[in-house]
Amino acid sequence: MDTKRIVVPGDIIEITQDRPRNGIFKCSENDFCSSYFGVVQSGNGFVDVVPFYGRYVPRRGDKVIGKVIDIGPSMWTIDINSAYLTMLHSNDSPWRVNSGELKKYLSMGDYVYAKVMTVNELKESWITLRDVGLRKLEGGHIISVPSPKVPRIIGKGGNMVNMIKDATSTRIVLGQNGLIWIDGSPENIMNAVSAIRMVEREAHTNGLTDRVENFLKGLKGGS
């Protein structure tokens, strides 16, 4: 199993034709260094250091999965797997909500698939459900992965997550905050979770797509 280069904070990152981007800072006149303990990834003209772990930091435009943890007269407080508060105002929901009637639409413990609309200087954010595909998530099963692993689970052009969905006959919604919603039969959900956990564990290695494909074929062969 080939492994991509793993770095720790302060390690020098070789920059040739590509430009440094996330997780990289200029540490001397001629050198760039890693900000994180993570893996070096190159592509599309950029070099990034993707951290292995870390709490999600909300960014405008991110699609996230969140859990209702408090209800006020005109807004819900949502946990989006971050250290920072997130709010959903009734005006940013798809429903015509009267003040004080929010529980009719979203109750404590309900999950939503939403978009980060604004983030202030304190990293407090507001989310919205008023966009295509955003909604209350009903049924299904929620799992959590480190948010830096989400791009690898999605794969290039969505190839990894689509392969898992097709092979397990499940519906999967990925939040960029590391929460994942999976719906299907109990057995198929378990198979999808196993494949996602494999990607999570081996995200820093080469040849992962082929190994996941073989793993999924093995599941079919055993059924």
C-alpha atoms as a PDB file:
ATOM      1  CA  MET A   1       0.000   0.000   0.000  1.00  0.00           C
ATOM      2  CA  ASP A   2       1.648   3.218  -1.179  1.00  0.00           C
ATOM      3  CA  THR A   3       1.365   6.219   1.119  1.00  0.00           C
ATOM      4  CA  LYS A   4       1.371   9.890   0.178  1.00  0.00           C
ATOM      5  CA  ARG A   5       3.831  12.137   1.985  1.00  0.00           C
ATOM      6  CA  ILE A   6       2.861  12.742   5.615  1.00  0.00           C
ATOM      7  CA  VAL A   7       4.064  15.984   7.220  1.00  0.00           C
ATOM      8  CA  VAL A   8       3.988  17.651  10.627  1.00  0.00           C
ATOM      9  CA  PRO A   9       3.798  21.388  11.394  1.00  0.00           C
ATOM     10  CA  GLY A  10       7.016  23.092  10.245  1.00  0.00           C
ATOM     11  CA  ASP A  11       8.020  20.501   7.647  1.00  0.00           C
ATOM     12  CA  ILE A  12       9.217  22.099   4.406  1.00  0.00           C
ATOM     13  CA  ILE A  13       6.894  21.604   1.433  1.00  0.00           C
ATOM     14  CA  GLU A  14       8.540  21.558  -1.991  1.00  0.00           C
ATOM     15  CA  ILE A  15       6.762  23.965  -4.320  1.00  0.00           C
ATOM     16  CA  THR A  16       7.668  23.707  -8.019  1.00  0.00           C
ATOM     17  CA  GLN A  17       5.087  24.607 -10.659  1.00  0.00           C
ATOM     18  CA  ASP A  18       2.005  24.392  -8.441  1.00  0.00           C
ATOM     19  CA  ARG A  19       0.950  27.175  -6.074  1.00  0.00           C
ATOM     20  CA  PRO A  20       0.674  26.714  -2.296  1.00  0.00           C
ATOM     21  CA  ARG A  21      -2.843  26.915  -0.901  1.00  0.00           C
ATOM     22  CA  ASN A  22      -4.481  25.425   2.208  1.00  0.00           C
ATOM     23  CA  GLY A  23      -2.375  24.364   5.181  1.00  0.00           C
ATOM     24  CA  ILE A  24       0.857  25.922   3.872  1.00  0.00           C
ATOM     25  CA  PHE A  25       2.638  29.099   4.955  1.00  0.00           C
ATOM     26  CA  LYS A  26       5.857  30.882   3.929  1.00  0.00           C
ATOM     27  CA  CYS A  27       8.377  30.076   6.641  1.00  0.00           C
ATOM     28  CA  SER A  28      11.458  31.726   5.113  1.00  0.00           C
ATOM     29  CA  GLU A  29      12.400  33.756   2.073  1.00  0.00           C
ATOM     30  CA  ASN A  30      12.587  30.671  -0.142  1.00  0.00           C
ATOM     31  CA  ASP A  31      10.678  27.972   1.743  1.00  0.00           C
ATOM     32  CA  PHE A  32       7.078  26.986   2.435  1.00  0.00           C
ATOM     33  CA  CYS A  33       6.115  24.908   5.468  1.00  0.00           C
ATOM     34  CA  SER A  34       3.202  22.820   6.647  1.00  0.00           C
ATOM     35  CA  SER A  35       0.706  24.240   9.150  1.00  0.00           C
ATOM     36  CA  TYR A  36      -0.728  20.820  10.016  1.00  0.00           C
ATOM     37  CA  PHE A  37      -0.082  17.189  10.776  1.00  0.00           C
ATOM     38  CA  GLY A  38      -1.481  15.795   7.560  1.00  0.00           C
ATOM     39  CA  VAL A  39      -0.799  14.678   4.013  1.00  0.00           C
ATOM     40  CA  VAL A  40       0.507  16.640   1.019  1.00  0.00           C
ATOM     41  CA  GLN A  41      -1.813  16.643  -1.994  1.00  0.00           C
ATOM     42  CA  SER A  42      -1.226  18.190  -5.428  1.00  0.00           C
ATOM     43  CA  GLY A  43      -3.715  18.831  -8.178  1.00  0.00           C
ATOM     44  CA  ASN A  44      -5.395  21.479 -10.343  1.00  0.00           C
ATOM     45  CA  GLY A  45      -2.327  23.714 -10.064  1.00  0.00           C
ATOM     46  CA  PHE A  46      -2.261  23.792  -6.245  1.00  0.00           C
ATOM     47  CA  VAL A  47      -0.475  22.092  -3.365  1.00  0.00           C
ATOM     48  CA  ASP A  48      -2.392  21.572  -0.117  1.00  0.00           C
ATOM     49  CA  VAL A  49      -1.717  19.983   3.235  1.00  0.00           C
ATOM     50  CA  VAL A  50      -4.880  18.170   4.291  1.00  0.00           C
ATOM     51  CA  PRO A  51      -4.974  17.700   8.087  1.00  0.00           C
ATOM     52  CA  PHE A  52      -5.807  14.276   9.489  1.00  0.00           C
ATOM     53  CA  TYR A  53      -8.065  15.704  12.181  1.00  0.00           C
ATOM     54  CA  GLY A  54      -9.620  18.952  13.298  1.00  0.00           C
ATOM     55  CA  ARG A  55     -12.962  20.508  14.175  1.00  0.00           C
ATOM     56  CA  TYR A  56     -14.987  21.921  11.331  1.00  0.00           C
ATOM     57  CA  VAL A  57     -14.688  25.683  10.767  1.00  0.00           C
ATOM     58  CA  PRO A  58     -17.757  27.049   8.926  1.00  0.00           C
ATOM     59  CA  ARG A  59     -17.210  28.717   5.559  1.00  0.00           C
ATOM     60  CA  ARG A  60     -19.743  30.597   3.475  1.00  0.00           C
ATOM     61  CA  GLY A  61     -21.296  28.355   0.841  1.00  0.00           C
ATOM     62  CA  ASP A  62     -20.473  25.040   2.550  1.00  0.00           C
ATOM     63  CA  LYS A  63     -23.200  22.372   2.531  1.00  0.00           C
ATOM     64  CA  VAL A  64     -23.485  20.912   6.031  1.00  0.00           C
ATOM     65  CA  ILE A  65     -25.589  18.505   8.071  1.00  0.00           C
ATOM     66  CA  GLY A  66     -26.754  19.837  11.421  1.00  0.00           C
ATOM     67  CA  LYS A  67     -28.789  18.743  14.444  1.00  0.00           C
ATOM     68  CA  VAL A  68     -31.385  20.926  16.166  1.00  0.00           C
ATOM     69  CA  ILE A  69     -30.249  21.503  19.773  1.00  0.00           C
ATOM     70  CA  ASP A  70     -32.418  24.477  20.813  1.00  0.00           C
ATOM     71  CA  ILE A  71     -35.568  26.235  19.650  1.00  0.00           C
ATOM     72  CA  GLY A  72     -36.385  29.912  20.158  1.00  0.00           C
ATOM     73  CA  PRO A  73     -39.332  32.096  19.151  1.00  0.00           C
ATOM     74  CA  SER A  74     -38.014  32.715  15.630  1.00  0.00           C
ATOM     75  CA  MET A  75     -34.905  30.569  15.125  1.00  0.00           C
ATOM     76  CA  TRP A  76     -33.384  27.176  15.716  1.00  0.00           C
ATOM     77  CA  THR A  77     -29.889  26.607  17.156  1.00  0.00           C
ATOM     78  CA  ILE A  78     -28.082  23.973  15.091  1.00  0.00           C
ATOM     79  CA  ASP A  79     -25.067  21.824  15.990  1.00  0.00           C
ATOM     80  CA  ILE A  80     -22.925  21.485  12.846  1.00  0.00           C
ATOM     81  CA  ASN A  81     -20.027  19.597  14.442  1.00  0.00           C
ATOM     82  CA  SER A  82     -18.145  22.829  15.058  1.00  0.00           C
ATOM     83  CA  ALA A  83     -16.871  24.790  18.026  1.00  0.00           C
ATOM     84  CA  TYR A  84     -18.972  27.740  16.874  1.00  0.00           C
ATOM     85  CA  LEU A  85     -22.682  28.551  17.140  1.00  0.00           C
ATOM     86  CA  THR A  86     -24.930  28.180  14.119  1.00  0.00           C
ATOM     87  CA  MET A  87     -28.454  29.534  13.756  1.00  0.00           C
ATOM     88  CA  LEU A  88     -31.318  28.868  11.335  1.00  0.00           C
ATOM     89  CA  HIS A  89     -33.875  31.690  11.209  1.00  0.00           C
ATOM     90  CA  SER A  90     -37.465  30.834  10.316  1.00  0.00           C
ATOM     91  CA  ASN A  91     -37.228  33.208   7.330  1.00  0.00           C
ATOM     92  CA  ASP A  92     -34.448  30.992   5.925  1.00  0.00           C
ATOM     93  CA  SER A  93     -36.576  27.847   6.092  1.00  0.00           C
ATOM     94  CA  PRO A  94     -38.858  26.613   3.277  1.00  0.00           C
ATOM     95  CA  TRP A  95     -41.946  26.909   5.497  1.00  0.00           C
ATOM     96  CA  ARG A  96     -44.280  29.776   6.399  1.00  0.00           C
ATOM     97  CA  VAL A  97     -43.546  29.750  10.129  1.00  0.00           C
ATOM     98  CA  ASN A  98     -45.384  31.859  12.685  1.00  0.00           C
ATOM     99  CA  SER A  99     -43.443  33.047  15.730  1.00  0.00           C
ATOM    100  CA  GLY A 100     -43.519  30.447  18.493  1.00  0.00           C
ATOM    101  CA  GLU A 101     -44.559  27.591  16.184  1.00  0.00           C
ATOM    102  CA  LEU A 102     -41.118  26.387  15.153  1.00  0.00           C
ATOM    103  CA  LYS A 103     -41.551  22.976  16.824  1.00  0.00           C
ATOM    104  CA  LYS A 104     -44.195  22.096  14.227  1.00  0.00           C
ATOM    105  CA  TYR A 105     -41.500  22.049  11.561  1.00  0.00           C
ATOM    106  CA  LEU A 106     -38.218  21.126  13.277  1.00  0.00           C
ATOM    107  CA  SER A 107     -38.024  19.518  16.717  1.00  0.00           C
ATOM    108  CA  MET A 108     -35.123  18.870  19.068  1.00  0.00           C
ATOM    109  CA  GLY A 109     -32.880  16.170  17.611  1.00  0.00           C
ATOM    110  CA  ASP A 110     -34.021  16.623  13.997  1.00  0.00           C
ATOM    111  CA  TYR A 111     -31.342  16.833  11.301  1.00  0.00           C
ATOM    112  CA  VAL A 112     -31.164  19.217   8.350  1.00  0.00           C
ATOM    113  CA  TYR A 113     -29.045  19.449   5.220  1.00  0.00           C
ATOM    114  CA  ALA A 114     -28.309  23.170   4.913  1.00  0.00           C
ATOM    115  CA  LYS A 115     -25.962  25.748   3.416  1.00  0.00           C
ATOM    116  CA  VAL A 116     -23.790  28.163   5.373  1.00  0.00           C
ATOM    117  CA  MET A 117     -25.114  31.581   4.385  1.00  0.00           C
ATOM    118  CA  THR A 118     -22.970  33.978   6.434  1.00  0.00           C
ATOM    119  CA  VAL A 119     -20.047  33.746   8.862  1.00  0.00           C
ATOM    120  CA  ASN A 120     -19.003  36.626  11.120  1.00  0.00           C
ATOM    121  CA  GLU A 121     -15.598  37.511  12.562  1.00  0.00           C
ATOM    122  CA  LEU A 122     -16.286  35.292  15.599  1.00  0.00           C
ATOM    123  CA  LYS A 123     -16.988  32.327  13.286  1.00  0.00           C
ATOM    124  CA  GLU A 124     -20.656  32.323  14.310  1.00  0.00           C
ATOM    125  CA  SER A 125     -22.699  31.339  11.287  1.00  0.00           C
ATOM    126  CA  TRP A 126     -26.197  31.418   9.866  1.00  0.00           C
ATOM    127  CA  ILE A 127     -27.479  28.627   7.669  1.00  0.00           C
ATOM    128  CA  THR A 128     -30.332  28.397   5.175  1.00  0.00           C
ATOM    129  CA  LEU A 129     -32.628  25.712   3.794  1.00  0.00           C
ATOM    130  CA  ARG A 130     -33.758  27.899   0.897  1.00  0.00           C
ATOM    131  CA  ASP A 131     -31.787  26.369  -1.970  1.00  0.00           C
ATOM    132  CA  VAL A 132     -31.999  23.369  -4.285  1.00  0.00           C
ATOM    133  CA  GLY A 133     -31.590  20.034  -2.478  1.00  0.00           C
ATOM    134  CA  LEU A 134     -31.547  21.492   1.040  1.00  0.00           C
ATOM    135  CA  ARG A 135     -34.072  19.923   3.392  1.00  0.00           C
ATOM    136  CA  LYS A 136     -34.986  18.250   6.644  1.00  0.00           C
ATOM    137  CA  LEU A 137     -33.426  14.775   6.749  1.00  0.00           C
ATOM    138  CA  GLU A 138     -35.940  12.114   7.741  1.00  0.00           C
ATOM    139  CA  GLY A 139     -35.104   8.519   8.604  1.00  0.00           C
ATOM    140  CA  GLY A 140     -31.709   7.203   7.668  1.00  0.00           C
ATOM    141  CA  HIS A 141     -28.590   6.922   9.798  1.00  0.00           C
ATOM    142  CA  ILE A 142     -26.023   9.594  10.708  1.00  0.00           C
ATOM    143  CA  ILE A 143     -22.286   8.926  11.079  1.00  0.00           C
ATOM    144  CA  SER A 144     -19.400  11.293  11.716  1.00  0.00           C
ATOM    145  CA  VAL A 145     -15.946  11.470  10.130  1.00  0.00           C
ATOM    146  CA  PRO A 146     -13.200  14.103  10.485  1.00  0.00           C
ATOM    147  CA  SER A 147     -14.213  16.949   8.178  1.00  0.00           C
ATOM    148  CA  PRO A 148     -10.810  16.981   6.389  1.00  0.00           C
ATOM    149  CA  LYS A 149     -11.582  13.434   5.153  1.00  0.00           C
ATOM    150  CA  VAL A 150     -14.823  14.436   3.375  1.00  0.00           C
ATOM    151  CA  PRO A 151     -13.188  15.428   0.029  1.00  0.00           C
ATOM    152  CA  ARG A 152     -11.575  11.969  -0.188  1.00  0.00           C
ATOM    153  CA  ILE A 153     -14.888  10.262   0.552  1.00  0.00           C
ATOM    154  CA  ILE A 154     -16.505  12.323  -2.211  1.00  0.00           C
ATOM    155  CA  GLY A 155     -13.657  11.583  -4.633  1.00  0.00           C
ATOM    156  CA  LYS A 156     -12.870  13.281  -7.932  1.00  0.00           C
ATOM    157  CA  GLY A 157     -16.132  14.358  -9.506  1.00  0.00           C
ATOM    158  CA  GLY A 158     -18.000  12.376  -6.860  1.00  0.00           C
ATOM    159  CA  ASN A 159     -16.629   9.051  -8.122  1.00  0.00           C
ATOM    160  CA  MET A 160     -15.944   7.538  -4.683  1.00  0.00           C
ATOM    161  CA  VAL A 161     -19.276   8.293  -3.011  1.00  0.00           C
ATOM    162  CA  ASN A 162     -21.215   7.412  -6.173  1.00  0.00           C
ATOM    163  CA  MET A 163     -19.451   4.052  -6.342  1.00  0.00           C
ATOM    164  CA  ILE A 164     -20.398   3.360  -2.717  1.00  0.00           C
ATOM    165  CA  LYS A 165     -24.017   4.430  -3.280  1.00  0.00           C
ATOM    166  CA  ASP A 166     -24.399   2.288  -6.405  1.00  0.00           C
ATOM    167  CA  ALA A 167     -22.784  -0.792  -4.883  1.00  0.00           C
ATOM    168  CA  THR A 168     -24.798  -0.631  -1.648  1.00  0.00           C
ATOM    169  CA  SER A 169     -28.125   0.669  -3.034  1.00  0.00           C
ATOM    170  CA  THR A 170     -28.160   3.504  -0.510  1.00  0.00           C
ATOM    171  CA  ARG A 171     -28.834   7.217  -0.573  1.00  0.00           C
ATOM    172  CA  ILE A 172     -25.948   9.233   0.897  1.00  0.00           C
ATOM    173  CA  VAL A 173     -25.727  12.923   1.740  1.00  0.00           C
ATOM    174  CA  LEU A 174     -22.316  14.262   2.785  1.00  0.00           C
ATOM    175  CA  GLY A 175     -21.910  17.408   4.827  1.00  0.00           C
ATOM    176  CA  GLN A 176     -18.634  19.255   4.465  1.00  0.00           C
ATOM    177  CA  ASN A 177     -18.625  19.415   8.267  1.00  0.00           C
ATOM    178  CA  GLY A 178     -18.014  15.662   8.539  1.00  0.00           C
ATOM    179  CA  LEU A 179     -21.569  14.420   9.177  1.00  0.00           C
ATOM    180  CA  ILE A 180     -22.924  11.882   6.691  1.00  0.00           C
ATOM    181  CA  TRP A 181     -26.556  10.745   6.259  1.00  0.00           C
ATOM    182  CA  ILE A 182     -27.144   7.258   4.858  1.00  0.00           C
ATOM    183  CA  ASP A 183     -30.536   5.749   4.018  1.00  0.00           C
ATOM    184  CA  GLY A 184     -31.387   2.227   2.865  1.00  0.00           C
ATOM    185  CA  SER A 185     -31.951  -1.225   4.274  1.00  0.00           C
ATOM    186  CA  PRO A 186     -30.088  -1.974   7.538  1.00  0.00           C
ATOM    187  CA  GLU A 187     -27.695  -4.359   5.780  1.00  0.00           C
ATOM    188  CA  ASN A 188     -26.967  -1.917   2.966  1.00  0.00           C
ATOM    189  CA  ILE A 189     -26.396   0.922   5.441  1.00  0.00           C
ATOM    190  CA  MET A 190     -23.885  -1.248   7.317  1.00  0.00           C
ATOM    191  CA  ASN A 191     -22.062  -2.029   4.055  1.00  0.00           C
ATOM    192  CA  ALA A 192     -21.939   1.648   3.081  1.00  0.00           C
ATOM    193  CA  VAL A 193     -20.618   2.579   6.534  1.00  0.00           C
ATOM    194  CA  SER A 194     -17.901  -0.085   6.246  1.00  0.00           C
ATOM    195  CA  ALA A 195     -16.785   1.327   2.888  1.00  0.00           C
ATOM    196  CA  ILE A 196     -16.793   4.909   4.204  1.00  0.00           C
ATOM    197  CA  ARG A 197     -14.763   3.880   7.254  1.00  0.00           C
ATOM    198  CA  MET A 198     -12.254   2.236   4.925  1.00  0.00           C
ATOM    199  CA  VAL A 199     -11.848   5.489   2.996  1.00  0.00           C
ATOM    200  CA  GLU A 200     -11.546   7.386   6.281  1.00  0.00           C
ATOM    201  CA  ARG A 201      -8.761   5.100   7.528  1.00  0.00           C
ATOM    202  CA  GLU A 202      -6.822   4.986   4.263  1.00  0.00           C
ATOM    203  CA  ALA A 203      -7.464   8.476   2.883  1.00  0.00           C
ATOM    204  CA  HIS A 204      -3.721   9.243   2.811  1.00  0.00           C
ATOM    205  CA  THR A 205      -2.813   6.226   0.665  1.00  0.00           C
ATOM    206  CA  ASN A 206      -2.536   5.705  -3.083  1.00  0.00           C
ATOM    207  CA  GLY A 207      -4.659   3.201  -5.011  1.00  0.00           C
ATOM    208  CA  LEU A 208      -7.565   3.611  -2.616  1.00  0.00           C
ATOM    209  CA  THR A 209     -10.294   3.732  -5.267  1.00  0.00           C
ATOM    210  CA  ASP A 210      -9.321   0.304  -6.613  1.00  0.00           C
ATOM    211  CA  ARG A 211      -9.222  -1.200  -3.112  1.00  0.00           C
ATOM    212  CA  VAL A 212     -12.632   0.201  -2.225  1.00  0.00           C
ATOM    213  CA  GLU A 213     -14.024  -1.128  -5.517  1.00  0.00           C
ATOM    214  CA  ASN A 214     -12.670  -4.599  -4.733  1.00  0.00           C
ATOM    215  CA  PHE A 215     -14.059  -4.368  -1.189  1.00  0.00           C
ATOM    216  CA  LEU A 216     -17.528  -3.528  -2.539  1.00  0.00           C
ATOM    217  CA  LYS A 217     -17.356  -6.347  -5.096  1.00  0.00           C
ATOM    218  CA  GLY A 218     -16.522  -8.694  -2.225  1.00  0.00           C
ATOM    219  CA  LEU A 219     -19.651  -7.598  -0.397  1.00  0.00           C
ATOM    220  CA  LYS A 220     -21.762  -8.452  -3.438  1.00  0.00           C
ATOM    221  CA  GLY A 221     -20.030 -11.798  -3.798  1.00  0.00           C
ATOM    222  CA  GLY A 222     -20.819 -12.672  -0.193  1.00  0.00           C
ATOM    223  CA  SER A 223     -24.497 -11.737  -0.403  1.00  0.00           C
END
